[in-house]
C-alpha cells in the first residue's frame, strides 16, 4: 500500500489575480471547501495518509487550514454550526502533514524533486489540486489498482481536443486495453501538428522513487522549466509508465471556465441531495 501523497502547491496562480495576490490559489473554494481539501480527501480515500506539501511564499493559509484553530473551535462548540468543521477535523485527525518550500519556481519536475526530502525512497502519489476530479471511486484509488498490477509509474490521462494538446503533456504508446496504455512517447505541450496523440496527462500520478535521480539529470525543457513529462520519458523508454484512462470527470480549476463549471456541478449535486 502506498501511504504518501505529494501536493505541489508553490505556484502563484496568476490566472486568478487579483484574487490570488494574497491567497493561495489552492484555497479558492468550490462551494464551502477549498480546492486543496478536495485533493487531500481523494488521497485519504486511497489510503495515502502521509500528506507532503511543497509550498512557497504566501502559502501559510494551507498549513493553517490543516490545523486546529482553538478560538474558532471554542466559539462554535455546542452550536448548530459546529458540524461545518467535521470534514476538516477528520482530515486533521486521520492524516499527517509535512511541508517543504520550493524557493524558485522551476516547473513541476523541480517541485516534485523538492519533495524528495519528505517522500524518501518510497513510491508515492502526486495530486495537483488545480485538477478537481470526481467519480464513484476516487481517481487515486483507481490508479493504485493499476500500480498494484503493473508495479511501475502511472499517469492519469484523458482525451482532449486536438487543438488544445499544446496545453498538456501528451502520451502515446502500445494500447493494452481500452483503459491502459504502456507509454512509449511523452511530449510536453507539443504543437498540434507534431503531437503524437490527443491523450493528455492530467494532475494525477503515481511515481516510483527512481524518478528523483532522473529529475536531477533532466535539463530544463518547455518554458525553461524542469518538466516531469521529460523525466517520465526516461522511465517510459524502459516500459515503466502506464497511462490510465480514469473513470470520472475532471475539472480544470486552474482556469476560470473550469472553476465555474466545477462550482455549478457541485452546487447542482448539493441541491439534488437536499
Protein backbone atom coordinates (compact mmCIF):
# COMPACT_ATOMS: atom_id res chain seq x y z
CA UNK A 1 0.00 0.00 0.00
CA UNK A 2 1.29 3.44 -0.94
CA UNK A 3 1.00 5.77 2.05
CA UNK A 4 2.47 9.06 0.79
CA UNK A 5 0.97 11.68 -1.48
CA UNK A 6 2.77 14.80 -2.68
CA UNK A 7 0.99 18.09 -3.36
CA UNK A 8 2.97 20.69 -5.32
CA UNK A 9 1.32 23.92 -4.14
CA UNK A 10 4.02 26.55 -4.66
CA UNK A 11 2.62 28.16 -7.82
CA UNK A 12 1.48 31.76 -7.97
CA UNK A 13 -1.98 31.24 -9.50
CA UNK A 14 -1.58 34.19 -11.85
CA UNK A 15 -4.69 33.30 -13.88
CA UNK A 16 -6.80 34.21 -10.84
CA UNK A 17 -5.22 37.55 -9.99
CA UNK A 18 -6.06 39.68 -8.10
CA UNK A 19 -7.88 37.03 -6.01
CA UNK A 20 -4.62 35.10 -5.56
CA UNK A 21 -2.42 38.09 -4.76
CA UNK A 22 -2.51 37.32 -1.03
CA UNK A 23 -4.40 34.00 -1.02
CA UNK A 24 -3.13 30.65 -2.30
CA UNK A 25 -4.99 29.52 -5.41
CA UNK A 26 -5.38 26.12 -3.72
CA UNK A 27 -7.52 27.81 -1.05
CA UNK A 28 -10.08 29.11 -3.54
CA UNK A 29 -13.38 27.45 -2.58
CA UNK A 30 -15.67 25.24 -4.59
CA UNK A 31 -18.81 25.87 -2.54
CA UNK A 32 -17.63 25.60 1.09
CA UNK A 33 -14.38 23.65 0.67
CA UNK A 34 -11.08 24.85 -0.78
CA UNK A 35 -9.56 23.02 -3.74
CA UNK A 36 -6.73 21.61 -1.65
CA UNK A 37 -9.18 19.87 0.68
CA UNK A 38 -10.84 18.02 -2.18
CA UNK A 39 -7.40 16.75 -3.17
CA UNK A 40 -6.46 15.62 0.33
CA UNK A 41 -9.81 13.87 0.67
CA UNK A 42 -9.06 11.95 -2.53
CA UNK A 43 -5.63 10.95 -1.21
CA UNK A 44 -7.09 9.85 2.13
CA UNK A 45 -9.76 7.76 0.39
CA UNK A 46 -6.92 5.91 -1.34
CA UNK A 47 -5.21 5.25 2.00
CA UNK A 48 -2.50 7.87 1.41
CA UNK A 49 -2.49 9.39 4.89
CA UNK A 50 1.02 10.90 4.81
CA UNK A 51 0.48 14.24 3.07
CA UNK A 52 3.60 16.04 1.79
CA UNK A 53 3.22 19.58 0.52
CA UNK A 54 5.76 21.56 -1.49
CA UNK A 55 4.85 25.15 -0.68
CA UNK A 56 6.13 28.62 -1.48
CA UNK A 57 5.73 32.20 -0.37
CA UNK A 58 2.24 33.32 0.76
CA UNK A 59 1.08 29.73 1.30
CA UNK A 60 0.72 29.81 5.08
CA UNK A 61 -3.09 29.59 4.80
CA UNK A 62 -2.75 25.99 3.55
CA UNK A 63 -0.85 24.94 6.67
CA UNK A 64 -3.36 26.76 8.88
CA UNK A 65 -6.28 25.04 7.13
CA UNK A 66 -4.98 21.61 8.12
CA UNK A 67 -4.51 22.61 11.75
CA UNK A 68 -6.80 23.24 14.71
CA UNK A 69 -7.92 26.82 15.35
CA UNK A 70 -8.77 26.70 19.04
CA UNK A 71 -10.51 30.07 19.16
CA UNK A 72 -12.88 29.07 16.34
CA UNK A 73 -13.48 25.64 17.87
CA UNK A 74 -14.38 27.28 21.16
CA UNK A 75 -16.78 29.73 19.53
CA UNK A 76 -18.61 27.03 17.59
CA UNK A 77 -18.68 24.33 20.27
CA UNK A 78 -22.23 23.25 21.03
CA UNK A 79 -23.77 25.34 18.25
CA UNK A 80 -25.52 24.22 15.06
CA UNK A 81 -22.56 25.48 13.04
CA UNK A 82 -20.07 23.10 14.71
CA UNK A 83 -20.88 20.34 12.18
CA UNK A 84 -19.44 22.51 9.40
CA UNK A 85 -15.96 21.66 10.70
CA UNK A 86 -16.48 17.88 10.70
CA UNK A 87 -14.93 17.19 7.30
CA UNK A 88 -11.71 19.08 8.00
CA UNK A 89 -11.49 17.72 11.56
CA UNK A 90 -11.49 14.22 10.13
CA UNK A 91 -8.62 15.01 7.77
CA UNK A 92 -6.62 16.68 10.55
CA UNK A 93 -7.01 13.62 12.78
CA UNK A 94 -6.52 10.94 10.12
CA UNK A 95 -3.57 12.35 8.17
CA UNK A 96 -0.09 13.63 8.95
CA UNK A 97 1.20 16.73 7.18
CA UNK A 98 4.75 17.65 6.22
CA UNK A 99 5.86 20.80 4.41
CA UNK A 100 8.92 21.90 2.49
CA UNK A 101 9.43 25.02 0.40
CA UNK A 102 10.26 25.37 -3.29
CA UNK A 103 12.40 28.52 -3.28
CA UNK A 104 12.49 29.03 -7.06
CA UNK A 105 9.60 28.23 -9.42
CA UNK A 106 11.34 25.92 -11.91
CA UNK A 107 8.50 23.72 -13.02
CA UNK A 108 6.57 20.68 -11.81
CA UNK A 109 9.57 18.38 -12.11
CA UNK A 110 11.59 20.60 -9.81
CA UNK A 111 8.67 20.83 -7.36
CA UNK A 112 8.45 17.04 -7.18
CA UNK A 113 12.22 16.80 -6.68
CA UNK A 114 11.96 19.32 -3.85
CA UNK A 115 9.55 16.93 -2.15
CA UNK A 116 12.10 14.10 -2.17
CA UNK A 117 13.30 15.07 1.31
CA UNK A 118 9.91 14.18 2.80
CA UNK A 119 8.98 11.34 0.44
CA UNK A 120 12.16 9.32 0.84
CA UNK A 121 12.66 6.06 -1.06
CA UNK A 122 9.02 5.02 -1.41
CA UNK A 123 6.55 5.02 -4.30
CA UNK A 124 4.13 7.92 -3.90
CA UNK A 125 1.13 9.67 -5.35
CA UNK A 126 1.07 13.19 -6.75
CA UNK A 127 -2.08 15.30 -6.86
CA UNK A 128 -2.33 18.71 -8.49
CA UNK A 129 -5.16 20.47 -6.67
CA UNK A 130 -5.97 22.55 -9.77
CA UNK A 131 -7.42 19.40 -11.33
CA UNK A 132 -10.55 18.61 -9.34
CA UNK A 133 -11.67 15.07 -10.16
CA UNK A 134 -14.91 13.33 -9.27
CA UNK A 135 -16.09 9.78 -9.76
CA UNK A 136 -17.86 6.94 -8.00
CA UNK A 137 -14.37 5.87 -6.91
CA UNK A 138 -11.59 8.40 -6.39
CA UNK A 139 -9.11 8.68 -9.25
CA UNK A 140 -6.14 7.98 -6.98
CA UNK A 141 -7.86 4.85 -5.63
CA UNK A 142 -8.34 3.67 -9.22
CA UNK A 143 -4.69 4.35 -10.01
CA UNK A 144 -3.49 2.36 -7.02
CA UNK A 145 -5.05 -0.73 -8.56
CA UNK A 146 -3.14 -0.04 -11.77
CA UNK A 147 0.11 0.34 -9.82
CA UNK A 148 -0.51 -2.87 -7.91
CA UNK A 149 -0.90 -4.73 -11.20
CA UNK A 150 1.99 -3.23 -13.18
CA UNK A 151 4.40 -2.11 -10.40
CA UNK A 152 5.58 0.99 -12.27
CA UNK A 153 4.75 4.68 -12.61
CA UNK A 154 1.16 5.50 -13.57
CA UNK A 155 -0.22 8.70 -15.12
CA UNK A 156 -3.90 9.57 -15.41
CA UNK A 157 -4.91 10.61 -18.93
CA UNK A 158 -7.93 11.78 -20.88
CA UNK A 159 -8.58 12.68 -24.47
CA UNK A 160 -8.61 16.42 -25.19
CA UNK A 161 -9.50 18.38 -28.33
CA UNK A 162 -6.59 18.17 -30.78
CA UNK A 163 -6.26 21.96 -30.91
CA UNK A 164 -5.64 22.01 -27.14
CA UNK A 165 -2.79 19.49 -26.95
CA UNK A 166 -0.29 22.37 -26.59
CA UNK A 167 -1.60 22.88 -23.04
CA UNK A 168 -0.68 19.39 -21.80
CA UNK A 169 1.85 16.63 -21.62
CA UNK A 170 0.81 14.23 -24.38
CA UNK A 171 1.44 10.47 -24.43
CA UNK A 172 1.30 7.66 -26.97
CA UNK A 173 2.27 4.01 -26.92
CA UNK A 174 1.08 0.43 -27.02
CA UNK A 175 -2.56 0.14 -26.03
CA UNK A 176 -3.09 -2.76 -23.63
CA UNK A 177 -6.87 -2.38 -23.43
CA UNK A 178 -9.40 0.46 -23.57
CA UNK A 179 -8.13 1.97 -20.31
CA UNK A 180 -4.43 1.09 -20.17
CA UNK A 181 -1.57 2.09 -22.46
CA UNK A 182 2.10 1.27 -21.99
CA UNK A 183 3.67 4.62 -22.75
CA UNK A 184 6.43 4.89 -25.34
CA UNK A 185 6.44 8.62 -26.12
CA UNK A 186 5.74 11.64 -23.90
CA UNK A 187 5.89 15.22 -25.17
CA UNK A 188 5.31 18.35 -23.11
CA UNK A 189 2.97 20.90 -24.73
CA UNK A 190 3.59 19.93 -28.36
CA UNK A 191 2.45 21.94 -31.33
CA UNK A 192 -0.80 20.30 -32.52
CA UNK A 193 0.79 19.34 -35.84
CA UNK A 194 3.58 17.49 -34.01
CA UNK A 195 1.51 15.82 -31.26
CA UNK A 196 1.73 12.00 -31.21
CA UNK A 197 -1.90 11.77 -29.98
CA UNK A 198 -4.55 13.75 -28.11
CA UNK A 199 -4.15 11.71 -24.92
CA UNK A 200 -3.28 14.26 -22.23
CA UNK A 201 -1.79 13.77 -18.78
CA UNK A 202 -3.90 15.34 -16.02
CA UNK A 203 -2.86 16.15 -12.48
CA UNK A 204 -2.68 12.64 -11.02
CA UNK A 205 0.47 10.50 -10.88
CA UNK A 206 1.87 7.52 -9.04
CA UNK A 207 5.65 7.62 -9.24
CA UNK A 208 8.40 5.22 -8.30
CA UNK A 209 11.25 6.74 -6.26
CA UNK A 210 13.86 6.38 -9.00
CA UNK A 211 12.14 9.38 -10.59
CA UNK A 212 14.11 11.67 -8.25
CA UNK A 213 17.51 10.74 -9.70
CA UNK A 214 16.05 11.02 -13.20
CA UNK A 215 14.77 14.54 -12.50
CA UNK A 216 18.18 15.55 -11.14
CA UNK A 217 19.64 14.69 -14.53
CA UNK A 218 16.82 16.21 -16.60
CA UNK A 219 17.64 19.58 -18.20
CA UNK A 220 15.04 22.35 -18.42
CA UNK A 221 12.55 21.77 -21.22
CA UNK A 222 9.42 23.59 -22.39
CA UNK A 223 9.21 27.11 -20.97
CA UNK A 224 12.69 26.79 -19.49
CA UNK A 225 11.28 24.65 -16.67
CA UNK A 226 12.12 21.15 -15.46
CA UNK A 227 9.21 19.10 -16.79
CA UNK A 228 8.05 15.92 -15.10
CA UNK A 229 7.00 14.72 -18.58
CA UNK A 230 10.64 14.78 -19.73
CA UNK A 231 11.71 12.77 -16.69
CA UNK A 232 8.91 10.25 -17.17
CA UNK A 233 10.07 9.74 -20.76
CA UNK A 234 13.21 8.11 -19.36
CA UNK A 235 11.05 5.62 -17.47
CA UNK A 236 8.77 5.15 -20.48
CA UNK A 237 11.74 4.22 -22.65
CA UNK A 238 12.18 1.22 -20.34
CA UNK A 239 8.48 0.34 -20.48
CA UNK A 240 7.89 1.56 -16.95
CA UNK A 241 4.99 4.01 -17.36
CA UNK A 242 1.31 3.10 -17.71
CA UNK A 243 -1.22 5.69 -18.90
CA UNK A 244 -4.63 5.11 -17.34
CA UNK A 245 -7.92 6.44 -18.73
CA UNK A 246 -9.76 7.02 -15.48
CA UNK A 247 -13.45 6.62 -14.67
CA UNK A 248 -14.80 10.01 -13.70
CA UNK A 249 -14.81 13.67 -14.61
CA UNK A 250 -12.07 16.24 -14.30
CA UNK A 251 -12.45 20.00 -13.90
CA UNK A 252 -9.51 22.25 -14.77
CA UNK A 253 -9.90 24.63 -11.84
CA UNK A 254 -6.73 26.42 -12.85
CA UNK A 255 -8.90 28.11 -15.49
CA UNK A 256 -11.88 30.36 -14.88
CA UNK A 257 -14.12 28.25 -17.13
CA UNK A 258 -13.22 25.05 -15.29
CA UNK A 259 -13.59 26.69 -11.89
CA UNK A 260 -17.09 27.91 -12.72
CA UNK A 261 -18.05 24.53 -14.21
CA UNK A 262 -16.91 22.76 -11.02
CA UNK A 263 -18.83 25.19 -8.84
CA UNK A 264 -22.01 24.64 -10.85
CA UNK A 265 -21.53 20.86 -10.81
CA UNK A 266 -21.15 20.66 -7.03
CA UNK A 267 -23.96 23.15 -6.46
CA UNK A 268 -26.35 21.08 -8.58
CA UNK A 269 -25.29 17.93 -6.77
CA UNK A 270 -25.86 19.63 -3.41
CA UNK A 271 -29.37 20.69 -4.40
CA UNK A 272 -30.20 17.19 -5.62
CA UNK A 273 -29.22 15.75 -2.23
CA UNK A 274 -31.42 18.13 -0.23
